[in-house]
Amino acid sequence: MVTFVISGIVSLEGYVYAVGGYDSSSQLRSVERYCLATDVWEFVAPMKSPRSALSVAVLGGKLYALGTYALII
């Protein structure tokens, strides 16, 4: 598993999903899930855009990533 912080975390159908985050240099597009039954992390399809400090929700069996941290210079 990749180490990252300020990611969105949610549970769905026996998995815990870690969505996006920040790796000390950039925001992440990655989505990983942890299987409670097998104790294994795996990558799933990445998001279209990188996000950190986001919220994740489940609706109708789908994950939704909401918001992100934006640095305004």
PDB file of N, CA and C in Angstrom:
ATOM      1  N   MET A   1       0.835  -1.179   0.000  1.00  0.00           N
ATOM      2  CA  MET A   1       0.000   0.000   0.000  1.00  0.00           C
ATOM      3  C   MET A   1       0.873   1.232   0.000  1.00  0.00           C
ATOM      4  N   VAL A   2       0.483   2.223  -0.778  1.00  0.00           N
ATOM      5  CA  VAL A   2       1.174   3.499  -0.824  1.00  0.00           C
ATOM      6  C   VAL A   2       0.814   4.301   0.425  1.00  0.00           C
ATOM      7  N   THR A   3       1.797   4.967   1.015  1.00  0.00           N
ATOM      8  CA  THR A   3       1.525   5.806   2.181  1.00  0.00           C
ATOM      9  C   THR A   3       1.053   7.169   1.718  1.00  0.00           C
ATOM     10  N   PHE A   4      -0.093   7.590   2.185  1.00  0.00           N
ATOM     11  CA  PHE A   4      -0.609   8.903   1.842  1.00  0.00           C
ATOM     12  C   PHE A   4      -1.466   9.426   2.980  1.00  0.00           C
ATOM     13  N   VAL A   5      -1.698  10.718   2.959  1.00  0.00           N
ATOM     14  CA  VAL A   5      -2.488  11.353   4.011  1.00  0.00           C
ATOM     15  C   VAL A   5      -3.603  12.179   3.405  1.00  0.00           C
ATOM     16  N   ILE A   6      -4.493  12.641   4.249  1.00  0.00           N
ATOM     17  CA  ILE A   6      -5.683  13.413   3.895  1.00  0.00           C
ATOM     18  C   ILE A   6      -6.438  12.839   2.698  1.00  0.00           C
ATOM     19  N   SER A   7      -6.649  11.534   2.749  1.00  0.00           N
ATOM     20  CA  SER A   7      -7.438  10.858   1.725  1.00  0.00           C
ATOM     21  C   SER A   7      -8.860  10.658   2.230  1.00  0.00           C
ATOM     22  N   GLY A   8      -9.766  10.332   1.306  1.00  0.00           N
ATOM     23  CA  GLY A   8     -11.123   9.989   1.686  1.00  0.00           C
ATOM     24  C   GLY A   8     -11.194   8.491   1.960  1.00  0.00           C
ATOM     25  N   ILE A   9     -11.875   8.114   3.030  1.00  0.00           N
ATOM     26  CA  ILE A   9     -11.996   6.702   3.409  1.00  0.00           C
ATOM     27  C   ILE A   9     -13.478   6.351   3.508  1.00  0.00           C
ATOM     28  N   VAL A  10     -13.843   5.185   2.940  1.00  0.00           N
ATOM     29  CA  VAL A  10     -15.236   4.736   2.994  1.00  0.00           C
ATOM     30  C   VAL A  10     -15.266   3.211   2.914  1.00  0.00           C
ATOM     31  N   SER A  11     -16.335   2.618   3.433  1.00  0.00           N
ATOM     32  CA  SER A  11     -16.510   1.169   3.403  1.00  0.00           C
ATOM     33  C   SER A  11     -17.655   0.808   2.466  1.00  0.00           C
ATOM     34  N   LEU A  12     -17.449  -0.262   1.680  1.00  0.00           N
ATOM     35  CA  LEU A  12     -18.486  -0.723   0.761  1.00  0.00           C
ATOM     36  C   LEU A  12     -18.288  -2.208   0.484  1.00  0.00           C
ATOM     37  N   GLU A  13     -19.307  -3.013   0.746  1.00  0.00           N
ATOM     38  CA  GLU A  13     -19.357  -4.437   0.404  1.00  0.00           C
ATOM     39  C   GLU A  13     -18.102  -5.217   0.815  1.00  0.00           C
ATOM     40  N   GLY A  14     -17.686  -5.075   2.062  1.00  0.00           N
ATOM     41  CA  GLY A  14     -16.558  -5.848   2.573  1.00  0.00           C
ATOM     42  C   GLY A  14     -15.188  -5.280   2.280  1.00  0.00           C
ATOM     43  N   TYR A  15     -15.130  -4.089   1.700  1.00  0.00           N
ATOM     44  CA  TYR A  15     -13.872  -3.422   1.405  1.00  0.00           C
ATOM     45  C   TYR A  15     -13.829  -2.057   2.088  1.00  0.00           C
ATOM     46  N   VAL A  16     -12.629  -1.612   2.395  1.00  0.00           N
ATOM     47  CA  VAL A  16     -12.403  -0.244   2.850  1.00  0.00           C
ATOM     48  C   VAL A  16     -11.617   0.442   1.742  1.00  0.00           C
ATOM     49  N   TYR A  17     -12.156   1.541   1.221  1.00  0.00           N
ATOM     50  CA  TYR A  17     -11.532   2.262   0.112  1.00  0.00           C
ATOM     51  C   TYR A  17     -10.787   3.482   0.626  1.00  0.00           C
ATOM     52  N   ALA A  18      -9.570   3.697   0.105  1.00  0.00           N
ATOM     53  CA  ALA A  18      -8.777   4.898   0.354  1.00  0.00           C
ATOM     54  C   ALA A  18      -8.685   5.637  -0.977  1.00  0.00           C
ATOM     55  N   VAL A  19      -9.214   6.848  -1.008  1.00  0.00           N
ATOM     56  CA  VAL A  19      -9.380   7.586  -2.258  1.00  0.00           C
ATOM     57  C   VAL A  19      -8.548   8.858  -2.227  1.00  0.00           C
ATOM     58  N   GLY A  20      -7.702   9.036  -3.249  1.00  0.00           N
ATOM     59  CA  GLY A  20      -6.897  10.246  -3.352  1.00  0.00           C
ATOM     60  C   GLY A  20      -5.941  10.409  -2.193  1.00  0.00           C
ATOM     61  N   GLY A  21      -5.544  11.655  -1.924  1.00  0.00           N
ATOM     62  CA  GLY A  21      -4.641  11.947  -0.828  1.00  0.00           C
ATOM     63  C   GLY A  21      -3.496  12.825  -1.271  1.00  0.00           C
ATOM     64  N   TYR A  22      -2.496  12.906  -0.435  1.00  0.00           N
ATOM     65  CA  TYR A  22      -1.325  13.743  -0.687  1.00  0.00           C
ATOM     66  C   TYR A  22      -0.091  12.988  -0.219  1.00  0.00           C
ATOM     67  N   ASP A  23       0.939  12.907  -1.039  1.00  0.00           N
ATOM     68  CA  ASP A  23       2.122  12.114  -0.707  1.00  0.00           C
ATOM     69  C   ASP A  23       3.354  12.953  -0.345  1.00  0.00           C
ATOM     70  N   SER A  24       3.160  14.131   0.194  1.00  0.00           N
ATOM     71  CA  SER A  24       4.207  15.079   0.586  1.00  0.00           C
ATOM     72  C   SER A  24       4.745  15.896  -0.578  1.00  0.00           C
ATOM     73  N   SER A  25       4.310  15.606  -1.796  1.00  0.00           N
ATOM     74  CA  SER A  25       4.742  16.430  -2.924  1.00  0.00           C
ATOM     75  C   SER A  25       3.619  16.736  -3.915  1.00  0.00           C
ATOM     76  N   SER A  26       2.598  15.896  -3.983  1.00  0.00           N
ATOM     77  CA  SER A  26       1.504  16.157  -4.917  1.00  0.00           C
ATOM     78  C   SER A  26       0.229  15.436  -4.490  1.00  0.00           C
ATOM     79  N   GLN A  27      -0.902  15.907  -5.042  1.00  0.00           N
ATOM     80  CA  GLN A  27      -2.176  15.242  -4.815  1.00  0.00           C
ATOM     81  C   GLN A  27      -2.206  13.947  -5.630  1.00  0.00           C
ATOM     82  N   LEU A  28      -3.021  12.996  -5.193  1.00  0.00           N
ATOM     83  CA  LEU A  28      -3.059  11.672  -5.813  1.00  0.00           C
ATOM     84  C   LEU A  28      -4.377  11.399  -6.524  1.00  0.00           C
ATOM     85  N   ARG A  29      -4.312  10.622  -7.597  1.00  0.00           N
ATOM     86  CA  ARG A  29      -5.495  10.153  -8.321  1.00  0.00           C
ATOM     87  C   ARG A  29      -5.869   8.742  -7.902  1.00  0.00           C
ATOM     88  N   SER A  30      -5.030   8.112  -7.117  1.00  0.00           N
ATOM     89  CA  SER A  30      -5.175   6.686  -6.819  1.00  0.00           C
ATOM     90  C   SER A  30      -6.407   6.355  -5.984  1.00  0.00           C
ATOM     91  N   VAL A  31      -6.900   5.162  -6.212  1.00  0.00           N
ATOM     92  CA  VAL A  31      -7.964   4.572  -5.400  1.00  0.00           C
ATOM     93  C   VAL A  31      -7.489   3.163  -5.051  1.00  0.00           C
ATOM     94  N   GLU A  32      -7.424   2.874  -3.760  1.00  0.00           N
ATOM     95  CA  GLU A  32      -7.020   1.554  -3.296  1.00  0.00           C
ATOM     96  C   GLU A  32      -8.116   1.002  -2.402  1.00  0.00           C
ATOM     97  N   ARG A  33      -8.177  -0.313  -2.323  1.00  0.00           N
ATOM     98  CA  ARG A  33      -9.155  -0.902  -1.413  1.00  0.00           C
ATOM     99  C   ARG A  33      -8.511  -2.027  -0.622  1.00  0.00           C
ATOM    100  N   TYR A  34      -8.996  -2.168   0.595  1.00  0.00           N
ATOM    101  CA  TYR A  34      -8.512  -3.188   1.517  1.00  0.00           C
ATOM    102  C   TYR A  34      -9.620  -4.201   1.715  1.00  0.00           C
ATOM    103  N   CYS A  35      -9.320  -5.466   1.474  1.00  0.00           N
ATOM    104  CA  CYS A  35     -10.297  -6.536   1.652  1.00  0.00           C
ATOM    105  C   CYS A  35     -10.231  -7.028   3.095  1.00  0.00           C
ATOM    106  N   LEU A  36     -11.322  -6.892   3.809  1.00  0.00           N
ATOM    107  CA  LEU A  36     -11.375  -7.322   5.207  1.00  0.00           C
ATOM    108  C   LEU A  36     -11.218  -8.838   5.339  1.00  0.00           C
ATOM    109  N   ALA A  37     -11.707  -9.586   4.379  1.00  0.00           N
ATOM    110  CA  ALA A  37     -11.669 -11.047   4.453  1.00  0.00           C
ATOM    111  C   ALA A  37     -10.275 -11.622   4.202  1.00  0.00           C
ATOM    112  N   THR A  38      -9.511 -10.997   3.290  1.00  0.00           N
ATOM    113  CA  THR A  38      -8.205 -11.548   2.908  1.00  0.00           C
ATOM    114  C   THR A  38      -7.012 -10.762   3.456  1.00  0.00           C
ATOM    115  N   ASP A  39      -7.264  -9.592   4.056  1.00  0.00           N
ATOM    116  CA  ASP A  39      -6.203  -8.742   4.607  1.00  0.00           C
ATOM    117  C   ASP A  39      -5.226  -8.294   3.511  1.00  0.00           C
ATOM    118  N   VAL A  40      -5.774  -7.913   2.335  1.00  0.00           N
ATOM    119  CA  VAL A  40      -4.958  -7.531   1.183  1.00  0.00           C
ATOM    120  C   VAL A  40      -5.416  -6.177   0.633  1.00  0.00           C
ATOM    121  N   TRP A  41      -4.430  -5.311   0.308  1.00  0.00           N
ATOM    122  CA  TRP A  41      -4.698  -4.039  -0.379  1.00  0.00           C
ATOM    123  C   TRP A  41      -4.526  -4.258  -1.876  1.00  0.00           C
ATOM    124  N   GLU A  42      -5.366  -3.577  -2.691  1.00  0.00           N
ATOM    125  CA  GLU A  42      -5.197  -3.614  -4.137  1.00  0.00           C
ATOM    126  C   GLU A  42      -5.610  -2.277  -4.744  1.00  0.00           C
ATOM    127  N   PHE A  43      -4.990  -1.953  -5.888  1.00  0.00           N
ATOM    128  CA  PHE A  43      -5.358  -0.745  -6.617  1.00  0.00           C
ATOM    129  C   PHE A  43      -6.607  -1.007  -7.434  1.00  0.00           C
ATOM    130  N   VAL A  44      -7.466   0.002  -7.537  1.00  0.00           N
ATOM    131  CA  VAL A  44      -8.614  -0.044  -8.439  1.00  0.00           C
ATOM    132  C   VAL A  44      -8.487   1.156  -9.376  1.00  0.00           C
ATOM    133  N   ALA A  45      -9.451   1.390 -10.238  1.00  0.00           N
ATOM    134  CA  ALA A  45      -9.362   2.449 -11.243  1.00  0.00           C
ATOM    135  C   ALA A  45      -9.069   3.816 -10.597  1.00  0.00           C
ATOM    136  N   PRO A  46      -8.117   4.573 -11.151  1.00  0.00           N
ATOM    137  CA  PRO A  46      -7.811   5.898 -10.603  1.00  0.00           C
ATOM    138  C   PRO A  46      -8.907   6.912 -10.944  1.00  0.00           C
ATOM    139  N   MET A  47      -8.926   8.001 -10.202  1.00  0.00           N
ATOM    140  CA  MET A  47      -9.856   9.099 -10.491  1.00  0.00           C
ATOM    141  C   MET A  47      -9.363   9.882 -11.708  1.00  0.00           C
ATOM    142  N   LYS A  48     -10.246  10.639 -12.337  1.00  0.00           N
ATOM    143  CA  LYS A  48      -9.871  11.448 -13.503  1.00  0.00           C
ATOM    144  C   LYS A  48      -8.933  12.587 -13.124  1.00  0.00           C
ATOM    145  N   SER A  49      -9.075  13.101 -11.901  1.00  0.00           N
ATOM    146  CA  SER A  49      -8.216  14.199 -11.465  1.00  0.00           C
ATOM    147  C   SER A  49      -7.721  13.932 -10.051  1.00  0.00           C
ATOM    148  N   PRO A  50      -6.529  14.442  -9.715  1.00  0.00           N
ATOM    149  CA  PRO A  50      -5.994  14.236  -8.365  1.00  0.00           C
ATOM    150  C   PRO A  50      -6.792  15.014  -7.325  1.00  0.00           C
ATOM    151  N   ARG A  51      -6.889  14.448  -6.120  1.00  0.00           N
ATOM    152  CA  ARG A  51      -7.644  15.089  -5.033  1.00  0.00           C
ATOM    153  C   ARG A  51      -7.020  14.759  -3.696  1.00  0.00           C
ATOM    154  N   SER A  52      -7.107  15.719  -2.783  1.00  0.00           N
ATOM    155  CA  SER A  52      -6.747  15.480  -1.382  1.00  0.00           C
ATOM    156  C   SER A  52      -7.713  16.266  -0.519  1.00  0.00           C
ATOM    157  N   ALA A  53      -7.746  15.956   0.761  1.00  0.00           N
ATOM    158  CA  ALA A  53      -8.671  16.611   1.701  1.00  0.00           C
ATOM    159  C   ALA A  53     -10.104  16.562   1.159  1.00  0.00           C
ATOM    160  N   LEU A  54     -10.532  15.389   0.738  1.00  0.00           N
ATOM    161  CA  LEU A  54     -11.833  15.216   0.122  1.00  0.00           C
ATOM    162  C   LEU A  54     -12.749  14.378   0.999  1.00  0.00           C
ATOM    163  N   SER A  55     -14.003  14.324   0.626  1.00  0.00           N
ATOM    164  CA  SER A  55     -14.967  13.437   1.265  1.00  0.00           C
ATOM    165  C   SER A  55     -15.365  12.373   0.256  1.00  0.00           C
ATOM    166  N   VAL A  56     -15.702  11.197   0.762  1.00  0.00           N
ATOM    167  CA  VAL A  56     -16.151  10.103  -0.097  1.00  0.00           C
ATOM    168  C   VAL A  56     -17.461   9.581   0.470  1.00  0.00           C
ATOM    169  N   ALA A  57     -18.423   9.333  -0.426  1.00  0.00           N
ATOM    170  CA  ALA A  57     -19.730   8.829  -0.009  1.00  0.00           C
ATOM    171  C   ALA A  57     -20.109   7.623  -0.869  1.00  0.00           C
ATOM    172  N   VAL A  58     -21.024   6.816  -0.355  1.00  0.00           N
ATOM    173  CA  VAL A  58     -21.567   5.676  -1.092  1.00  0.00           C
ATOM    174  C   VAL A  58     -23.047   5.927  -1.311  1.00  0.00           C
ATOM    175  N   LEU A  59     -23.486   5.758  -2.552  1.00  0.00           N
ATOM    176  CA  LEU A  59     -24.902   5.902  -2.882  1.00  0.00           C
ATOM    177  C   LEU A  59     -25.217   4.916  -4.002  1.00  0.00           C
ATOM    178  N   GLY A  60     -26.193   4.060  -3.790  1.00  0.00           N
ATOM    179  CA  GLY A  60     -26.574   3.092  -4.809  1.00  0.00           C
ATOM    180  C   GLY A  60     -25.451   2.151  -5.212  1.00  0.00           C
ATOM    181  N   GLY A  61     -24.571   1.811  -4.260  1.00  0.00           N
ATOM    182  CA  GLY A  61     -23.481   0.893  -4.538  1.00  0.00           C
ATOM    183  C   GLY A  61     -22.307   1.499  -5.286  1.00  0.00           C
ATOM    184  N   LYS A  62     -22.285   2.828  -5.431  1.00  0.00           N
ATOM    185  CA  LYS A  62     -21.191   3.515  -6.117  1.00  0.00           C
ATOM    186  C   LYS A  62     -20.492   4.474  -5.161  1.00  0.00           C
ATOM    187  N   LEU A  63     -19.195   4.690  -5.401  1.00  0.00           N
ATOM    188  CA  LEU A  63     -18.423   5.657  -4.623  1.00  0.00           C
ATOM    189  C   LEU A  63     -18.465   7.010  -5.305  1.00  0.00           C
ATOM    190  N   TYR A  64     -18.588   8.058  -4.501  1.00  0.00           N
ATOM    191  CA  TYR A  64     -18.557   9.422  -5.010  1.00  0.00           C
ATOM    192  C   TYR A  64     -17.517  10.206  -4.231  1.00  0.00           C
ATOM    193  N   ALA A  65     -16.580  10.816  -4.941  1.00  0.00           N
ATOM    194  CA  ALA A  65     -15.556  11.664  -4.336  1.00  0.00           C
ATOM    195  C   ALA A  65     -16.006  13.112  -4.469  1.00  0.00           C
ATOM    196  N   LEU A  66     -16.021  13.827  -3.345  1.00  0.00           N
ATOM    197  CA  LEU A  66     -16.540  15.190  -3.314  1.00  0.00           C
ATOM    198  C   LEU A  66     -15.493  16.147  -2.772  1.00  0.00           C
ATOM    199  N   GLY A  67     -15.279  17.226  -3.505  1.00  0.00           N
ATOM    200  CA  GLY A  67     -14.376  18.275  -3.044  1.00  0.00           C
ATOM    201  C   GLY A  67     -12.914  17.927  -3.211  1.00  0.00           C
ATOM    202  N   THR A  68     -12.092  18.893  -2.886  1.00  0.00           N
ATOM    203  CA  THR A  68     -10.635  18.733  -2.919  1.00  0.00           C
ATOM    204  C   THR A  68     -10.017  19.955  -2.268  1.00  0.00           C
ATOM    205  N   TYR A  69      -8.742  19.868  -2.011  1.00  0.00           N
ATOM    206  CA  TYR A  69      -7.993  20.998  -1.507  1.00  0.00           C
ATOM    207  C   TYR A  69      -7.408  21.725  -2.712  1.00  0.00           C
ATOM    208  N   ALA A  70      -7.603  23.029  -2.780  1.00  0.00           N
ATOM    209  CA  ALA A  70      -7.067  23.801  -3.891  1.00  0.00           C
ATOM    210  C   ALA A  70      -6.139  24.882  -3.345  1.00  0.00           C
ATOM    211  N   LEU A  71      -4.929  24.916  -3.850  1.00  0.00           N
ATOM    212  CA  LEU A  71      -3.967  25.928  -3.475  1.00  0.00           C
ATOM    213  C   LEU A  71      -4.115  27.108  -4.416  1.00  0.00           C
ATOM    214  N   ILE A  72      -4.443  28.250  -3.875  1.00  0.00           N
ATOM    215  CA  ILE A  72      -4.615  29.452  -4.690  1.00  0.00           C
ATOM    216  C   ILE A  72      -3.416  30.360  -4.463  1.00  0.00           C
ATOM    217  N   ILE A  73      -2.727  30.657  -5.546  1.00  0.00           N
ATOM    218  CA  ILE A  73      -1.521  31.488  -5.437  1.00  0.00           C
ATOM    219  C   ILE A  73      -1.798  32.870  -5.981  1.00  0.00           C
TER     220      ILE A  73
END
